[in-house]
Amino acid sequence: MTKHSYLQLQHSESVVAQMAATIFAGYIQCGRVDDENEKDFLKKALKNAIRLAEYTDKIVKSDTEWLPEEEELTPFKNL
């Protein structure tokens, strides 16, 4: 019988997972990954993706991060 995994990732988690997958694919394309070091490169890719996400969050501000707290955008606020 096949083991099933069920995930409920938040949006930011899925973005980091996609970034890690892209980084990991790069390691594979460069021929650096084999059966014995696959887990190490998965961890390395995830750590790098998290570092990229944290740095991006520090440097790039979203639309709502620029607004004062009392002026946060809410849908249909003026209706």
N, C-alpha and C. Protein backbone atom coordinates (compact mmCIF):
# COMPACT_ATOMS: atom_id res chain seq x y z
N MET A 1 0.84 -1.17 0.00
CA MET A 1 0.00 0.00 0.00
C MET A 1 0.89 1.24 0.00
N THR A 2 0.50 2.26 -0.73
CA THR A 2 1.26 3.49 -0.86
C THR A 2 0.99 4.41 0.32
N LYS A 3 2.07 4.97 0.87
CA LYS A 3 1.93 5.94 1.94
C LYS A 3 1.55 7.29 1.34
N HIS A 4 0.55 7.95 1.91
CA HIS A 4 0.09 9.25 1.42
C HIS A 4 0.49 10.34 2.40
N SER A 5 0.86 11.48 1.86
CA SER A 5 1.14 12.65 2.68
C SER A 5 0.13 13.73 2.35
N TYR A 6 -0.36 14.38 3.37
CA TYR A 6 -1.30 15.48 3.18
C TYR A 6 -0.69 16.73 3.78
N LEU A 7 -0.60 17.76 2.99
CA LEU A 7 0.01 19.01 3.43
C LEU A 7 -0.99 20.15 3.32
N GLN A 8 -0.87 21.07 4.24
CA GLN A 8 -1.65 22.31 4.18
C GLN A 8 -0.67 23.46 4.37
N LEU A 9 0.04 23.79 3.30
CA LEU A 9 1.04 24.84 3.36
C LEU A 9 0.40 26.21 3.27
N GLN A 10 0.92 27.13 4.06
CA GLN A 10 0.54 28.53 3.92
C GLN A 10 1.20 29.05 2.64
N HIS A 11 0.72 30.18 2.13
CA HIS A 11 1.26 30.72 0.88
C HIS A 11 2.77 30.94 0.96
N SER A 12 3.24 31.54 2.04
CA SER A 12 4.68 31.82 2.16
C SER A 12 5.49 30.51 2.20
N GLU A 13 4.94 29.49 2.81
CA GLU A 13 5.63 28.19 2.85
C GLU A 13 5.72 27.58 1.46
N SER A 14 4.67 27.70 0.69
CA SER A 14 4.70 27.14 -0.66
C SER A 14 5.66 27.91 -1.56
N VAL A 15 5.78 29.22 -1.33
CA VAL A 15 6.75 30.03 -2.09
C VAL A 15 8.16 29.57 -1.77
N VAL A 16 8.47 29.38 -0.49
CA VAL A 16 9.80 28.92 -0.08
C VAL A 16 10.06 27.52 -0.63
N ALA A 17 9.06 26.65 -0.61
CA ALA A 17 9.23 25.29 -1.15
C ALA A 17 9.55 25.35 -2.64
N GLN A 18 8.89 26.24 -3.37
CA GLN A 18 9.15 26.39 -4.81
C GLN A 18 10.56 26.91 -5.04
N MET A 19 10.98 27.87 -4.24
CA MET A 19 12.34 28.39 -4.35
C MET A 19 13.35 27.29 -4.08
N ALA A 20 13.11 26.49 -3.04
CA ALA A 20 14.02 25.39 -2.71
C ALA A 20 14.07 24.36 -3.83
N ALA A 21 12.93 24.09 -4.45
CA ALA A 21 12.89 23.14 -5.57
C ALA A 21 13.71 23.65 -6.74
N THR A 22 13.64 24.94 -7.00
CA THR A 22 14.41 25.54 -8.09
C THR A 22 15.91 25.44 -7.80
N ILE A 23 16.29 25.76 -6.58
CA ILE A 23 17.69 25.67 -6.17
C ILE A 23 18.17 24.23 -6.26
N PHE A 24 17.37 23.30 -5.75
CA PHE A 24 17.73 21.88 -5.78
C PHE A 24 17.87 21.39 -7.22
N ALA A 25 16.99 21.82 -8.10
CA ALA A 25 17.09 21.44 -9.51
C ALA A 25 18.40 21.92 -10.11
N GLY A 26 18.86 23.10 -9.68
CA GLY A 26 20.15 23.61 -10.14
C GLY A 26 21.29 22.71 -9.70
N TYR A 27 21.23 22.24 -8.46
CA TYR A 27 22.26 21.31 -7.98
C TYR A 27 22.26 20.03 -8.81
N ILE A 28 21.06 19.53 -9.13
CA ILE A 28 20.95 18.32 -9.94
C ILE A 28 21.53 18.56 -11.33
N GLN A 29 21.17 19.68 -11.95
CA GLN A 29 21.65 19.98 -13.30
C GLN A 29 23.17 20.11 -13.36
N CYS A 30 23.76 20.56 -12.27
CA CYS A 30 25.23 20.69 -12.22
C CYS A 30 25.91 19.36 -11.91
N GLY A 31 25.12 18.32 -11.68
CA GLY A 31 25.68 17.00 -11.42
C GLY A 31 26.22 16.83 -10.01
N ARG A 32 25.78 17.65 -9.10
CA ARG A 32 26.30 17.59 -7.73
C ARG A 32 25.53 16.62 -6.83
N VAL A 33 24.33 16.21 -7.23
CA VAL A 33 23.48 15.39 -6.38
C VAL A 33 23.55 13.93 -6.81
N ASP A 34 23.77 13.05 -5.82
CA ASP A 34 23.68 11.60 -6.06
C ASP A 34 22.87 10.98 -4.92
N ASP A 35 22.69 9.67 -4.96
CA ASP A 35 21.85 9.01 -3.96
C ASP A 35 22.37 9.20 -2.53
N GLU A 36 23.66 9.35 -2.38
CA GLU A 36 24.24 9.44 -1.04
C GLU A 36 24.19 10.84 -0.44
N ASN A 37 24.15 11.88 -1.28
CA ASN A 37 24.15 13.23 -0.73
C ASN A 37 22.85 13.99 -1.00
N GLU A 38 21.85 13.28 -1.52
CA GLU A 38 20.59 13.94 -1.88
C GLU A 38 19.97 14.69 -0.70
N LYS A 39 19.92 14.04 0.46
CA LYS A 39 19.31 14.67 1.64
C LYS A 39 20.08 15.93 2.04
N ASP A 40 21.39 15.88 1.97
CA ASP A 40 22.20 17.05 2.32
C ASP A 40 21.91 18.22 1.38
N PHE A 41 21.77 17.93 0.09
CA PHE A 41 21.49 19.00 -0.87
C PHE A 41 20.05 19.51 -0.75
N LEU A 42 19.12 18.65 -0.36
CA LEU A 42 17.76 19.12 -0.09
C LEU A 42 17.77 20.11 1.07
N LYS A 43 18.49 19.76 2.14
CA LYS A 43 18.58 20.66 3.30
C LYS A 43 19.25 21.98 2.91
N LYS A 44 20.33 21.88 2.12
CA LYS A 44 21.05 23.07 1.69
C LYS A 44 20.16 23.97 0.84
N ALA A 45 19.40 23.38 -0.08
CA ALA A 45 18.50 24.15 -0.93
C ALA A 45 17.43 24.86 -0.10
N LEU A 46 16.87 24.16 0.89
CA LEU A 46 15.84 24.75 1.74
C LEU A 46 16.41 25.88 2.59
N LYS A 47 17.60 25.67 3.15
CA LYS A 47 18.23 26.73 3.95
C LYS A 47 18.49 27.97 3.09
N ASN A 48 18.96 27.77 1.87
CA ASN A 48 19.21 28.90 0.98
C ASN A 48 17.91 29.60 0.59
N ALA A 49 16.85 28.84 0.36
CA ALA A 49 15.55 29.43 0.01
C ALA A 49 15.02 30.27 1.17
N ILE A 50 15.18 29.78 2.39
CA ILE A 50 14.73 30.52 3.57
C ILE A 50 15.54 31.81 3.70
N ARG A 51 16.84 31.73 3.52
CA ARG A 51 17.69 32.92 3.59
C ARG A 51 17.27 33.94 2.53
N LEU A 52 16.99 33.49 1.32
CA LEU A 52 16.53 34.39 0.26
C LEU A 52 15.20 35.04 0.64
N ALA A 53 14.27 34.25 1.17
CA ALA A 53 12.96 34.78 1.55
C ALA A 53 13.10 35.80 2.68
N GLU A 54 13.93 35.50 3.69
CA GLU A 54 14.12 36.42 4.80
C GLU A 54 14.76 37.73 4.32
N TYR A 55 15.75 37.63 3.45
CA TYR A 55 16.41 38.82 2.93
C TYR A 55 15.44 39.65 2.08
N THR A 56 14.65 38.96 1.27
CA THR A 56 13.65 39.66 0.45
C THR A 56 12.65 40.38 1.34
N ASP A 57 12.18 39.72 2.39
CA ASP A 57 11.21 40.33 3.31
C ASP A 57 11.80 41.56 3.99
N LYS A 58 13.09 41.52 4.26
CA LYS A 58 13.77 42.64 4.91
C LYS A 58 13.90 43.83 3.96
N ILE A 59 14.17 43.57 2.69
CA ILE A 59 14.48 44.62 1.72
C ILE A 59 13.24 45.13 0.99
N VAL A 60 12.32 44.23 0.62
CA VAL A 60 11.16 44.60 -0.20
C VAL A 60 9.94 44.74 0.70
N LYS A 61 9.24 45.85 0.57
CA LYS A 61 8.03 46.08 1.34
C LYS A 61 6.81 45.92 0.45
N SER A 62 5.83 45.20 0.96
CA SER A 62 4.58 45.04 0.21
C SER A 62 3.74 46.29 0.36
N ASP A 63 2.68 46.36 -0.41
CA ASP A 63 1.81 47.54 -0.39
C ASP A 63 1.30 47.86 1.01
N THR A 64 0.83 46.87 1.73
CA THR A 64 0.24 47.13 3.05
C THR A 64 1.30 47.44 4.11
N GLU A 65 2.55 47.08 3.89
CA GLU A 65 3.60 47.39 4.86
C GLU A 65 3.95 48.88 4.85
N TRP A 66 3.60 49.57 3.79
CA TRP A 66 3.90 51.00 3.69
C TRP A 66 2.84 51.85 4.37
N LEU A 67 1.67 51.30 4.63
CA LEU A 67 0.57 52.08 5.20
C LEU A 67 0.65 52.10 6.72
N PRO A 68 0.28 53.22 7.32
CA PRO A 68 0.16 53.23 8.79
C PRO A 68 -0.91 52.23 9.21
N GLU A 69 -0.82 51.75 10.43
CA GLU A 69 -1.74 50.71 10.90
C GLU A 69 -3.21 51.08 10.74
N GLU A 70 -3.56 52.32 11.05
CA GLU A 70 -4.96 52.71 10.98
C GLU A 70 -5.46 52.82 9.54
N GLU A 71 -4.56 52.85 8.57
CA GLU A 71 -4.98 53.00 7.18
C GLU A 71 -4.88 51.70 6.39
N GLU A 72 -4.81 50.57 7.06
CA GLU A 72 -4.70 49.30 6.34
C GLU A 72 -5.85 49.15 5.35
N LEU A 73 -5.52 48.59 4.20
CA LEU A 73 -6.54 48.39 3.18
C LEU A 73 -7.49 47.28 3.59
N THR A 74 -8.76 47.55 3.44
CA THR A 74 -9.75 46.52 3.66
C THR A 74 -10.70 46.52 2.47
N PRO A 75 -11.09 45.34 2.02
CA PRO A 75 -12.00 45.30 0.87
C PRO A 75 -13.33 45.97 1.20
N PHE A 76 -13.84 46.72 0.25
CA PHE A 76 -15.15 47.36 0.34
C PHE A 76 -15.25 48.34 1.51
N LYS A 77 -14.14 48.94 1.89
CA LYS A 77 -14.10 49.85 3.04
C LYS A 77 -15.04 51.05 2.87
N ASN A 78 -15.10 51.58 1.66
CA ASN A 78 -15.88 52.80 1.44
C ASN A 78 -17.28 52.55 0.91
N LEU A 79 -17.75 51.34 0.91
CA LEU A 79 -19.09 51.06 0.40
C LEU A 79 -20.15 51.24 1.45
